[in-house]
Amino acid sequence: METENQHNRDHYGAHERLVGAYFSDNSMFSAARFEKRFRMSRTLFTSIVEEVTIHCAYFREKEDCTGRLGIFPLMKCTSTIRQLAYDTIPNALDEYLQMGYTTSRLSI
């Protein structure tokens, strides 16, 4: 169970870094690097994010009890796909995605 304060996490910054690294028009990493890292094409990955978000309410961005927006669907899907692709523990990407163990575990 998580004990750290979720509000100390930089969800917005993590999302911006993720988009800048892999999903923007001028992303830091090439399509080939994306495929190597995620074991699928960027097009397939984004299609999965869209479909999962449509069909599963957990992945949709929503406000928490304080009115702050929660974790972005792209981040939850990134955590899930990386866990499946590399058979890692749920909080392996905690520092990178600024997402705790419980959220990562529930995402999978």
PDB file of N, CA and C in Angstrom:
ATOM      1  N   MET A   1       0.848  -1.179   0.000  1.00  0.00           N
ATOM      2  CA  MET A   1       0.000   0.000   0.000  1.00  0.00           C
ATOM      3  C   MET A   1       0.894   1.243   0.000  1.00  0.00           C
ATOM      4  N   GLU A   2       0.501   2.234  -0.768  1.00  0.00           N
ATOM      5  CA  GLU A   2       1.295   3.452  -0.858  1.00  0.00           C
ATOM      6  C   GLU A   2       1.131   4.294   0.390  1.00  0.00           C
ATOM      7  N   THR A   3       2.239   4.878   0.811  1.00  0.00           N
ATOM      8  CA  THR A   3       2.164   5.757   1.970  1.00  0.00           C
ATOM      9  C   THR A   3       2.529   7.186   1.606  1.00  0.00           C
ATOM     10  N   GLU A   4       3.197   7.380   0.475  1.00  0.00           N
ATOM     11  CA  GLU A   4       3.593   8.741   0.111  1.00  0.00           C
ATOM     12  C   GLU A   4       2.396   9.528  -0.404  1.00  0.00           C
ATOM     13  N   ASN A   5       2.485  10.815  -0.313  1.00  0.00           N
ATOM     14  CA  ASN A   5       1.414  11.709  -0.728  1.00  0.00           C
ATOM     15  C   ASN A   5       1.380  11.822  -2.247  1.00  0.00           C
ATOM     16  N   GLN A   6       0.271  11.421  -2.838  1.00  0.00           N
ATOM     17  CA  GLN A   6       0.120  11.462  -4.288  1.00  0.00           C
ATOM     18  C   GLN A   6       0.253  12.883  -4.842  1.00  0.00           C
ATOM     19  N   HIS A   7      -0.085  13.884  -4.052  1.00  0.00           N
ATOM     20  CA  HIS A   7      -0.069  15.252  -4.548  1.00  0.00           C
ATOM     21  C   HIS A   7       1.347  15.804  -4.693  1.00  0.00           C
ATOM     22  N   ASN A   8       2.342  15.100  -4.160  1.00  0.00           N
ATOM     23  CA  ASN A   8       3.722  15.523  -4.335  1.00  0.00           C
ATOM     24  C   ASN A   8       4.299  15.036  -5.651  1.00  0.00           C
ATOM     25  N   ARG A   9       3.569  14.241  -6.373  1.00  0.00           N
ATOM     26  CA  ARG A   9       4.040  13.713  -7.656  1.00  0.00           C
ATOM     27  C   ARG A   9       3.771  14.730  -8.761  1.00  0.00           C
ATOM     28  N   ASP A  10       4.669  14.767  -9.712  1.00  0.00           N
ATOM     29  CA  ASP A  10       4.564  15.711 -10.828  1.00  0.00           C
ATOM     30  C   ASP A  10       3.947  15.018 -12.041  1.00  0.00           C
ATOM     31  N   HIS A  11       2.633  14.775 -11.974  1.00  0.00           N
ATOM     32  CA  HIS A  11       1.951  14.093 -13.076  1.00  0.00           C
ATOM     33  C   HIS A  11       2.022  14.887 -14.371  1.00  0.00           C
ATOM     34  N   TYR A  12       1.847  16.187 -14.272  1.00  0.00           N
ATOM     35  CA  TYR A  12       1.860  17.024 -15.476  1.00  0.00           C
ATOM     36  C   TYR A  12       3.241  17.035 -16.125  1.00  0.00           C
ATOM     37  N   GLY A  13       4.275  17.199 -15.314  1.00  0.00           N
ATOM     38  CA  GLY A  13       5.638  17.190 -15.841  1.00  0.00           C
ATOM     39  C   GLY A  13       6.005  15.851 -16.448  1.00  0.00           C
ATOM     40  N   ALA A  14       5.612  14.766 -15.780  1.00  0.00           N
ATOM     41  CA  ALA A  14       5.892  13.423 -16.297  1.00  0.00           C
ATOM     42  C   ALA A  14       5.186  13.217 -17.632  1.00  0.00           C
ATOM     43  N   HIS A  15       3.956  13.693 -17.735  1.00  0.00           N
ATOM     44  CA  HIS A  15       3.209  13.560 -18.989  1.00  0.00           C
ATOM     45  C   HIS A  15       3.891  14.356 -20.103  1.00  0.00           C
ATOM     46  N   GLU A  16       4.287  15.573 -19.806  1.00  0.00           N
ATOM     47  CA  GLU A  16       4.972  16.398 -20.805  1.00  0.00           C
ATOM     48  C   GLU A  16       6.272  15.744 -21.267  1.00  0.00           C
ATOM     49  N   ARG A  17       7.034  15.176 -20.338  1.00  0.00           N
ATOM     50  CA  ARG A  17       8.292  14.500 -20.695  1.00  0.00           C
ATOM     51  C   ARG A  17       8.028  13.261 -21.545  1.00  0.00           C
ATOM     52  N   LEU A  18       6.989  12.498 -21.198  1.00  0.00           N
ATOM     53  CA  LEU A  18       6.638  11.311 -21.963  1.00  0.00           C
ATOM     54  C   LEU A  18       6.239  11.676 -23.388  1.00  0.00           C
ATOM     55  N   VAL A  19       5.390  12.679 -23.521  1.00  0.00           N
ATOM     56  CA  VAL A  19       4.963  13.128 -24.852  1.00  0.00           C
ATOM     57  C   VAL A  19       6.158  13.651 -25.646  1.00  0.00           C
ATOM     58  N   GLY A  20       7.007  14.452 -25.015  1.00  0.00           N
ATOM     59  CA  GLY A  20       8.184  14.987 -25.694  1.00  0.00           C
ATOM     60  C   GLY A  20       9.164  13.916 -26.118  1.00  0.00           C
ATOM     61  N   ALA A  21       9.266  12.873 -25.333  1.00  0.00           N
ATOM     62  CA  ALA A  21      10.208  11.797 -25.648  1.00  0.00           C
ATOM     63  C   ALA A  21       9.711  10.891 -26.760  1.00  0.00           C
ATOM     64  N   TYR A  22       8.407  10.606 -26.790  1.00  0.00           N
ATOM     65  CA  TYR A  22       7.919   9.576 -27.707  1.00  0.00           C
ATOM     66  C   TYR A  22       6.743   9.940 -28.606  1.00  0.00           C
ATOM     67  N   PHE A  23       5.935  10.927 -28.233  1.00  0.00           N
ATOM     68  CA  PHE A  23       4.659  11.105 -28.931  1.00  0.00           C
ATOM     69  C   PHE A  23       4.469  12.435 -29.650  1.00  0.00           C
ATOM     70  N   SER A  24       5.384  13.364 -29.537  1.00  0.00           N
ATOM     71  CA  SER A  24       5.221  14.654 -30.201  1.00  0.00           C
ATOM     72  C   SER A  24       5.720  14.558 -31.646  1.00  0.00           C
ATOM     73  N   ASP A  25       5.397  15.573 -32.440  1.00  0.00           N
ATOM     74  CA  ASP A  25       5.848  15.605 -33.836  1.00  0.00           C
ATOM     75  C   ASP A  25       7.370  15.593 -33.938  1.00  0.00           C
ATOM     76  N   ASN A  26       8.018  16.253 -33.006  1.00  0.00           N
ATOM     77  CA  ASN A  26       9.481  16.296 -32.977  1.00  0.00           C
ATOM     78  C   ASN A  26       9.999  15.547 -31.753  1.00  0.00           C
ATOM     79  N   SER A  27       9.550  14.311 -31.582  1.00  0.00           N
ATOM     80  CA  SER A  27       9.905  13.555 -30.386  1.00  0.00           C
ATOM     81  C   SER A  27      11.407  13.299 -30.301  1.00  0.00           C
ATOM     82  N   MET A  28      11.869  13.138 -29.081  1.00  0.00           N
ATOM     83  CA  MET A  28      13.281  12.912 -28.808  1.00  0.00           C
ATOM     84  C   MET A  28      13.760  11.591 -29.416  1.00  0.00           C
ATOM     85  N   PHE A  29      12.901  10.568 -29.392  1.00  0.00           N
ATOM     86  CA  PHE A  29      13.275   9.253 -29.882  1.00  0.00           C
ATOM     87  C   PHE A  29      12.571   8.923 -31.191  1.00  0.00           C
ATOM     88  N   SER A  30      13.259   8.243 -32.063  1.00  0.00           N
ATOM     89  CA  SER A  30      12.735   7.879 -33.378  1.00  0.00           C
ATOM     90  C   SER A  30      11.673   6.785 -33.272  1.00  0.00           C
ATOM     91  N   ALA A  31      10.989   6.554 -34.382  1.00  0.00           N
ATOM     92  CA  ALA A  31       9.987   5.488 -34.435  1.00  0.00           C
ATOM     93  C   ALA A  31      10.644   4.134 -34.188  1.00  0.00           C
ATOM     94  N   ALA A  32      11.852   3.946 -34.704  1.00  0.00           N
ATOM     95  CA  ALA A  32      12.569   2.676 -34.488  1.00  0.00           C
ATOM     96  C   ALA A  32      12.895   2.481 -33.011  1.00  0.00           C
ATOM     97  N   ARG A  33      13.307   3.542 -32.341  1.00  0.00           N
ATOM     98  CA  ARG A  33      13.612   3.462 -30.909  1.00  0.00           C
ATOM     99  C   ARG A  33      12.343   3.185 -30.109  1.00  0.00           C
ATOM    100  N   PHE A  34      11.235   3.807 -30.529  1.00  0.00           N
ATOM    101  CA  PHE A  34       9.947   3.562 -29.877  1.00  0.00           C
ATOM    102  C   PHE A  34       9.609   2.071 -29.970  1.00  0.00           C
ATOM    103  N   GLU A  35       9.702   1.508 -31.164  1.00  0.00           N
ATOM    104  CA  GLU A  35       9.367   0.097 -31.362  1.00  0.00           C
ATOM    105  C   GLU A  35      10.253  -0.814 -30.525  1.00  0.00           C
ATOM    106  N   LYS A  36      11.514  -0.467 -30.421  1.00  0.00           N
ATOM    107  CA  LYS A  36      12.428  -1.263 -29.610  1.00  0.00           C
ATOM    108  C   LYS A  36      12.049  -1.177 -28.130  1.00  0.00           C
ATOM    109  N   ARG A  37      11.704   0.000 -27.683  1.00  0.00           N
ATOM    110  CA  ARG A  37      11.385   0.211 -26.266  1.00  0.00           C
ATOM    111  C   ARG A  37      10.029  -0.371 -25.886  1.00  0.00           C
ATOM    112  N   PHE A  38       9.023  -0.215 -26.750  1.00  0.00           N
ATOM    113  CA  PHE A  38       7.662  -0.646 -26.419  1.00  0.00           C
ATOM    114  C   PHE A  38       7.247  -1.953 -27.088  1.00  0.00           C
ATOM    115  N   ARG A  39       8.085  -2.458 -27.978  1.00  0.00           N
ATOM    116  CA  ARG A  39       7.842  -3.713 -28.685  1.00  0.00           C
ATOM    117  C   ARG A  39       6.594  -3.682 -29.550  1.00  0.00           C
ATOM    118  N   MET A  40       6.306  -2.498 -30.083  1.00  0.00           N
ATOM    119  CA  MET A  40       5.210  -2.304 -31.030  1.00  0.00           C
ATOM    120  C   MET A  40       5.374  -0.922 -31.663  1.00  0.00           C
ATOM    121  N   SER A  41       4.666  -0.683 -32.742  1.00  0.00           N
ATOM    122  CA  SER A  41       4.752   0.623 -33.404  1.00  0.00           C
ATOM    123  C   SER A  41       4.027   1.688 -32.587  1.00  0.00           C
ATOM    124  N   ARG A  42       4.408   2.932 -32.800  1.00  0.00           N
ATOM    125  CA  ARG A  42       3.747   4.044 -32.119  1.00  0.00           C
ATOM    126  C   ARG A  42       2.275   4.108 -32.509  1.00  0.00           C
ATOM    127  N   THR A  43       1.969   3.796 -33.779  1.00  0.00           N
ATOM    128  CA  THR A  43       0.585   3.814 -34.255  1.00  0.00           C
ATOM    129  C   THR A  43      -0.257   2.784 -33.514  1.00  0.00           C
ATOM    130  N   LEU A  44       0.271   1.580 -33.367  1.00  0.00           N
ATOM    131  CA  LEU A  44      -0.454   0.548 -32.621  1.00  0.00           C
ATOM    132  C   LEU A  44      -0.623   0.959 -31.160  1.00  0.00           C
ATOM    133  N   PHE A  45       0.431   1.487 -30.570  1.00  0.00           N
ATOM    134  CA  PHE A  45       0.378   1.916 -29.174  1.00  0.00           C
ATOM    135  C   PHE A  45      -0.717   2.960 -28.968  1.00  0.00           C
ATOM    136  N   THR A  46      -0.740   3.999 -29.803  1.00  0.00           N
ATOM    137  CA  THR A  46      -1.746   5.058 -29.639  1.00  0.00           C
ATOM    138  C   THR A  46      -3.158   4.525 -29.888  1.00  0.00           C
ATOM    139  N   SER A  47      -3.294   3.566 -30.794  1.00  0.00           N
ATOM    140  CA  SER A  47      -4.605   2.949 -31.020  1.00  0.00           C
ATOM    141  C   SER A  47      -5.070   2.195 -29.776  1.00  0.00           C
ATOM    142  N   ILE A  48      -4.148   1.497 -29.132  1.00  0.00           N
ATOM    143  CA  ILE A  48      -4.478   0.775 -27.902  1.00  0.00           C
ATOM    144  C   ILE A  48      -4.910   1.756 -26.815  1.00  0.00           C
ATOM    145  N   VAL A  49      -4.177   2.857 -26.657  1.00  0.00           N
ATOM    146  CA  VAL A  49      -4.527   3.869 -25.656  1.00  0.00           C
ATOM    147  C   VAL A  49      -5.934   4.401 -25.912  1.00  0.00           C
ATOM    148  N   GLU A  50      -6.240   4.716 -27.163  1.00  0.00           N
ATOM    149  CA  GLU A  50      -7.568   5.239 -27.502  1.00  0.00           C
ATOM    150  C   GLU A  50      -8.669   4.236 -27.184  1.00  0.00           C
ATOM    151  N   GLU A  51      -8.483   2.986 -27.579  1.00  0.00           N
ATOM    152  CA  GLU A  51      -9.503   1.959 -27.353  1.00  0.00           C
ATOM    153  C   GLU A  51      -9.681   1.645 -25.867  1.00  0.00           C
ATOM    154  N   VAL A  52      -8.581   1.523 -25.159  1.00  0.00           N
ATOM    155  CA  VAL A  52      -8.662   1.240 -23.721  1.00  0.00           C
ATOM    156  C   VAL A  52      -9.390   2.376 -23.003  1.00  0.00           C
ATOM    157  N   THR A  53      -9.084   3.592 -23.380  1.00  0.00           N
ATOM    158  CA  THR A  53      -9.712   4.755 -22.747  1.00  0.00           C
ATOM    159  C   THR A  53     -11.208   4.806 -23.032  1.00  0.00           C
ATOM    160  N   ILE A  54     -11.599   4.424 -24.216  1.00  0.00           N
ATOM    161  CA  ILE A  54     -13.027   4.397 -24.571  1.00  0.00           C
ATOM    162  C   ILE A  54     -13.761   3.325 -23.777  1.00  0.00           C
ATOM    163  N   HIS A  55     -13.154   2.153 -23.641  1.00  0.00           N
ATOM    164  CA  HIS A  55     -13.846   0.999 -23.081  1.00  0.00           C
ATOM    165  C   HIS A  55     -13.649   0.765 -21.583  1.00  0.00           C
ATOM    166  N   CYS A  56     -12.727   1.489 -20.966  1.00  0.00           N
ATOM    167  CA  CYS A  56     -12.460   1.260 -19.541  1.00  0.00           C
ATOM    168  C   CYS A  56     -12.370   2.593 -18.804  1.00  0.00           C
ATOM    169  N   ALA A  57     -13.332   2.847 -17.952  1.00  0.00           N
ATOM    170  CA  ALA A  57     -13.406   4.128 -17.231  1.00  0.00           C
ATOM    171  C   ALA A  57     -12.172   4.391 -16.371  1.00  0.00           C
ATOM    172  N   TYR A  58     -11.531   3.337 -15.869  1.00  0.00           N
ATOM    173  CA  TYR A  58     -10.354   3.519 -15.017  1.00  0.00           C
ATOM    174  C   TYR A  58      -9.257   4.311 -15.725  1.00  0.00           C
ATOM    175  N   PHE A  59      -9.129   4.138 -17.011  1.00  0.00           N
ATOM    176  CA  PHE A  59      -8.058   4.797 -17.758  1.00  0.00           C
ATOM    177  C   PHE A  59      -8.380   6.232 -18.153  1.00  0.00           C
ATOM    178  N   ARG A  60      -9.630   6.642 -18.015  1.00  0.00           N
ATOM    179  CA  ARG A  60      -9.994   8.019 -18.355  1.00  0.00           C
ATOM    180  C   ARG A  60      -9.494   8.978 -17.295  1.00  0.00           C
ATOM    181  N   GLU A  61      -9.107  10.146 -17.745  1.00  0.00           N
ATOM    182  CA  GLU A  61      -8.649  11.172 -16.803  1.00  0.00           C
ATOM    183  C   GLU A  61      -9.857  11.759 -16.090  1.00  0.00           C
ATOM    184  N   LYS A  62      -9.761  11.807 -14.761  1.00  0.00           N
ATOM    185  CA  LYS A  62     -10.863  12.370 -13.986  1.00  0.00           C
ATOM    186  C   LYS A  62     -10.318  13.109 -12.775  1.00  0.00           C
ATOM    187  N   GLU A  63     -11.156  13.922 -12.181  1.00  0.00           N
ATOM    188  CA  GLU A  63     -10.746  14.697 -11.009  1.00  0.00           C
ATOM    189  C   GLU A  63     -10.762  13.833  -9.764  1.00  0.00           C
ATOM    190  N   ASP A  64      -9.829  14.124  -8.862  1.00  0.00           N
ATOM    191  CA  ASP A  64      -9.842  13.452  -7.567  1.00  0.00           C
ATOM    192  C   ASP A  64     -10.720  14.258  -6.608  1.00  0.00           C
ATOM    193  N   CYS A  65     -10.747  13.868  -5.351  1.00  0.00           N
ATOM    194  CA  CYS A  65     -11.625  14.528  -4.382  1.00  0.00           C
ATOM    195  C   CYS A  65     -11.242  15.982  -4.120  1.00  0.00           C
ATOM    196  N   THR A  66     -10.026  16.392  -4.495  1.00  0.00           N
ATOM    197  CA  THR A  66      -9.604  17.776  -4.299  1.00  0.00           C
ATOM    198  C   THR A  66      -9.831  18.631  -5.540  1.00  0.00           C
ATOM    199  N   GLY A  67     -10.323  18.014  -6.614  1.00  0.00           N
ATOM    200  CA  GLY A  67     -10.568  18.747  -7.851  1.00  0.00           C
ATOM    201  C   GLY A  67      -9.397  18.731  -8.821  1.00  0.00           C
ATOM    202  N   ARG A  68      -8.299  18.093  -8.428  1.00  0.00           N
ATOM    203  CA  ARG A  68      -7.141  17.981  -9.329  1.00  0.00           C
ATOM    204  C   ARG A  68      -7.365  16.845 -10.312  1.00  0.00           C
ATOM    205  N   LEU A  69      -6.929  17.061 -11.554  1.00  0.00           N
ATOM    206  CA  LEU A  69      -7.022  15.984 -12.535  1.00  0.00           C
ATOM    207  C   LEU A  69      -6.047  14.881 -12.160  1.00  0.00           C
ATOM    208  N   GLY A  70      -6.471  13.656 -12.391  1.00  0.00           N
ATOM    209  CA  GLY A  70      -5.652  12.497 -12.062  1.00  0.00           C
ATOM    210  C   GLY A  70      -4.616  12.206 -13.129  1.00  0.00           C
ATOM    211  N   ILE A  71      -4.152  10.994 -13.135  1.00  0.00           N
ATOM    212  CA  ILE A  71      -3.090  10.571 -14.045  1.00  0.00           C
ATOM    213  C   ILE A  71      -3.647  10.415 -15.454  1.00  0.00           C
ATOM    214  N   PHE A  72      -2.888  10.879 -16.420  1.00  0.00           N
ATOM    215  CA  PHE A  72      -3.291  10.846 -17.818  1.00  0.00           C
ATOM    216  C   PHE A  72      -3.391   9.408 -18.332  1.00  0.00           C
ATOM    217  N   PRO A  73      -4.353   9.127 -19.214  1.00  0.00           N
ATOM    218  CA  PRO A  73      -4.489   7.782 -19.782  1.00  0.00           C
ATOM    219  C   PRO A  73      -3.205   7.291 -20.457  1.00  0.00           C
ATOM    220  N   LEU A  74      -2.507   8.173 -21.147  1.00  0.00           N
ATOM    221  CA  LEU A  74      -1.269   7.790 -21.816  1.00  0.00           C
ATOM    222  C   LEU A  74      -0.252   7.246 -20.815  1.00  0.00           C
ATOM    223  N   MET A  75      -0.189   7.836 -19.649  1.00  0.00           N
ATOM    224  CA  MET A  75       0.761   7.390 -18.622  1.00  0.00           C
ATOM    225  C   MET A  75       0.357   6.027 -18.054  1.00  0.00           C
ATOM    226  N   LYS A  76      -0.929   5.838 -17.784  1.00  0.00           N
ATOM    227  CA  LYS A  76      -1.385   4.550 -17.268  1.00  0.00           C
ATOM    228  C   LYS A  76      -1.134   3.443 -18.285  1.00  0.00           C
ATOM    229  N   CYS A  77      -1.420   3.725 -19.545  1.00  0.00           N
ATOM    230  CA  CYS A  77      -1.194   2.727 -20.594  1.00  0.00           C
ATOM    231  C   CYS A  77       0.293   2.458 -20.789  1.00  0.00           C
ATOM    232  N   THR A  78       1.114   3.492 -20.684  1.00  0.00           N
ATOM    233  CA  THR A  78       2.562   3.302 -20.805  1.00  0.00           C
ATOM    234  C   THR A  78       3.056   2.378 -19.701  1.00  0.00           C
ATOM    235  N   SER A  79       2.611   2.611 -18.492  1.00  0.00           N
ATOM    236  CA  SER A  79       3.000   1.766 -17.371  1.00  0.00           C
ATOM    237  C   SER A  79       2.569   0.323 -17.614  1.00  0.00           C
ATOM    238  N   THR A  80       1.344   0.139 -18.023  1.00  0.00           N
ATOM    239  CA  THR A  80       0.807  -1.199 -18.248  1.00  0.00           C
ATOM    240  C   THR A  80       1.560  -1.937 -19.351  1.00  0.00           C
ATOM    241  N   ILE A  81       1.741  -1.275 -20.468  1.00  0.00           N
ATOM    242  CA  ILE A  81       2.400  -1.927 -21.607  1.00  0.00           C
ATOM    243  C   ILE A  81       3.853  -2.230 -21.298  1.00  0.00           C
ATOM    244  N   ARG A  82       4.540  -1.323 -20.625  1.00  0.00           N
ATOM    245  CA  ARG A  82       5.941  -1.587 -20.257  1.00  0.00           C
ATOM    246  C   ARG A  82       6.032  -2.738 -19.259  1.00  0.00           C
ATOM    247  N   GLN A  83       5.084  -2.831 -18.327  1.00  0.00           N
ATOM    248  CA  GLN A  83       5.088  -3.956 -17.387  1.00  0.00           C
ATOM    249  C   GLN A  83       4.912  -5.277 -18.135  1.00  0.00           C
ATOM    250  N   LEU A  84       3.991  -5.288 -19.091  1.00  0.00           N
ATOM    251  CA  LEU A  84       3.740  -6.508 -19.853  1.00  0.00           C
ATOM    252  C   LEU A  84       4.911  -6.844 -20.781  1.00  0.00           C
ATOM    253  N   ALA A  85       5.472  -5.826 -21.416  1.00  0.00           N
ATOM    254  CA  ALA A  85       6.555  -6.051 -22.376  1.00  0.00           C
ATOM    255  C   ALA A  85       7.826  -6.552 -21.706  1.00  0.00           C
ATOM    256  N   TYR A  86       8.083  -6.083 -20.491  1.00  0.00           N
ATOM    257  CA  TYR A  86       9.345  -6.415 -19.823  1.00  0.00           C
ATOM    258  C   TYR A  86       9.173  -7.240 -18.556  1.00  0.00           C
ATOM    259  N   ASP A  87       7.934  -7.624 -18.235  1.00  0.00           N
ATOM    260  CA  ASP A  87       7.663  -8.412 -17.041  1.00  0.00           C
ATOM    261  C   ASP A  87       8.293  -7.760 -15.807  1.00  0.00           C
ATOM    262  N   THR A  88       7.982  -6.473 -15.617  1.00  0.00           N
ATOM    263  CA  THR A  88       8.539  -5.736 -14.489  1.00  0.00           C
ATOM    264  C   THR A  88       7.511  -5.574 -13.374  1.00  0.00           C
ATOM    265  N   ILE A  89       7.992  -5.153 -12.224  1.00  0.00           N
ATOM    266  CA  ILE A  89       7.111  -4.900 -11.093  1.00  0.00           C
ATOM    267  C   ILE A  89       6.352  -3.586 -11.331  1.00  0.00           C
ATOM    268  N   PRO A  90       5.190  -3.421 -10.710  1.00  0.00           N
ATOM    269  CA  PRO A  90       4.360  -2.248 -10.976  1.00  0.00           C
ATOM    270  C   PRO A  90       5.026  -0.893 -10.744  1.00  0.00           C
ATOM    271  N   ASN A  91       5.916  -0.768  -9.794  1.00  0.00           N
ATOM    272  CA  ASN A  91       6.506   0.548  -9.543  1.00  0.00           C
ATOM    273  C   ASN A  91       7.896   0.725 -10.165  1.00  0.00           C
ATOM    274  N   ALA A  92       8.224  -0.082 -11.156  1.00  0.00           N
ATOM    275  CA  ALA A  92       9.535   0.007 -11.808  1.00  0.00           C
ATOM    276  C   ALA A  92       9.732   1.353 -12.514  1.00  0.00           C
ATOM    277  N   LEU A  93       8.655   1.969 -12.949  1.00  0.00           N
ATOM    278  CA  LEU A  93       8.741   3.244 -13.672  1.00  0.00           C
ATOM    279  C   LEU A  93       8.265   4.416 -12.825  1.00  0.00           C
ATOM    280  N   ASP A  94       8.222   4.232 -11.519  1.00  0.00           N
ATOM    281  CA  ASP A  94       7.687   5.244 -10.604  1.00  0.00           C
ATOM    282  C   ASP A  94       8.329   6.613 -10.806  1.00  0.00           C
ATOM    283  N   GLU A  95       9.639   6.684 -10.820  1.00  0.00           N
ATOM    284  CA  GLU A  95      10.311   7.979 -10.937  1.00  0.00           C
ATOM    285  C   GLU A  95      10.059   8.617 -12.305  1.00  0.00           C
ATOM    286  N   TYR A  96      10.016   7.803 -13.338  1.00  0.00           N
ATOM    287  CA  TYR A  96       9.835   8.316 -14.699  1.00  0.00           C
ATOM    288  C   TYR A  96       8.402   8.797 -14.935  1.00  0.00           C
ATOM    289  N   LEU A  97       7.436   7.993 -14.546  1.00  0.00           N
ATOM    290  CA  LEU A  97       6.037   8.335 -14.794  1.00  0.00           C
ATOM    291  C   LEU A  97       5.366   9.045 -13.621  1.00  0.00           C
ATOM    292  N   GLN A  98       6.061   9.145 -12.488  1.00  0.00           N
ATOM    293  CA  GLN A  98       5.500   9.799 -11.300  1.00  0.00           C
ATOM    294  C   GLN A  98       4.163   9.155 -10.915  1.00  0.00           C
ATOM    295  N   MET A  99       4.154   7.834 -10.941  1.00  0.00           N
ATOM    296  CA  MET A  99       2.950   7.064 -10.648  1.00  0.00           C
ATOM    297  C   MET A  99       3.313   6.010  -9.603  1.00  0.00           C
ATOM    298  N   GLY A 100       2.529   5.891  -8.583  1.00  0.00           N
ATOM    299  CA  GLY A 100       2.813   4.958  -7.511  1.00  0.00           C
ATOM    300  C   GLY A 100       2.458   3.522  -7.826  1.00  0.00           C
ATOM    301  N   TYR A 101       2.859   2.663  -6.926  1.00  0.00           N
ATOM    302  CA  TYR A 101       2.663   1.222  -7.049  1.00  0.00           C
ATOM    303  C   TYR A 101       1.194   0.861  -7.264  1.00  0.00           C
ATOM    304  N   THR A 102       0.311   1.406  -6.438  1.00  0.00           N
ATOM    305  CA  THR A 102      -1.100   1.037  -6.511  1.00  0.00           C
ATOM    306  C   THR A 102      -1.701   1.382  -7.878  1.00  0.00           C
ATOM    307  N   THR A 103      -1.441   2.572  -8.373  1.00  0.00           N
ATOM    308  CA  THR A 103      -1.983   2.968  -9.674  1.00  0.00           C
ATOM    309  C   THR A 103      -1.421   2.083 -10.773  1.00  0.00           C
ATOM    310  N   SER A 104      -0.123   1.819 -10.739  1.00  0.00           N
ATOM    311  CA  SER A 104       0.493   0.950 -11.741  1.00  0.00           C
ATOM    312  C   SER A 104      -0.095  -0.459 -11.694  1.00  0.00           C
ATOM    313  N   ARG A 105      -0.291  -0.955 -10.488  1.00  0.00           N
ATOM    314  CA  ARG A 105      -0.841  -2.291 -10.321  1.00  0.00           C
ATOM    315  C   ARG A 105      -2.288  -2.368 -10.805  1.00  0.00           C
ATOM    316  N   LEU A 106      -3.075  -1.368 -10.480  1.00  0.00           N
ATOM    317  CA  LEU A 106      -4.476  -1.345 -10.926  1.00  0.00           C
ATOM    318  C   LEU A 106      -4.577  -1.167 -12.437  1.00  0.00           C
ATOM    319  N   SER A 107      -3.622  -0.476 -13.018  1.00  0.00           N
ATOM    320  CA  SER A 107      -3.628  -0.273 -14.469  1.00  0.00           C
ATOM    321  C   SER A 107      -3.457  -1.585 -15.213  1.00  0.00           C
ATOM    322  N   ILE A 108      -2.639  -2.453 -14.650  1.00  0.00           N
ATOM    323  CA  ILE A 108      -2.408  -3.722 -15.339  1.00  0.00           C
ATOM    324  C   ILE A 108      -3.577  -4.655 -15.123  1.00  0.00           C
TER     325      ILE A 108
END
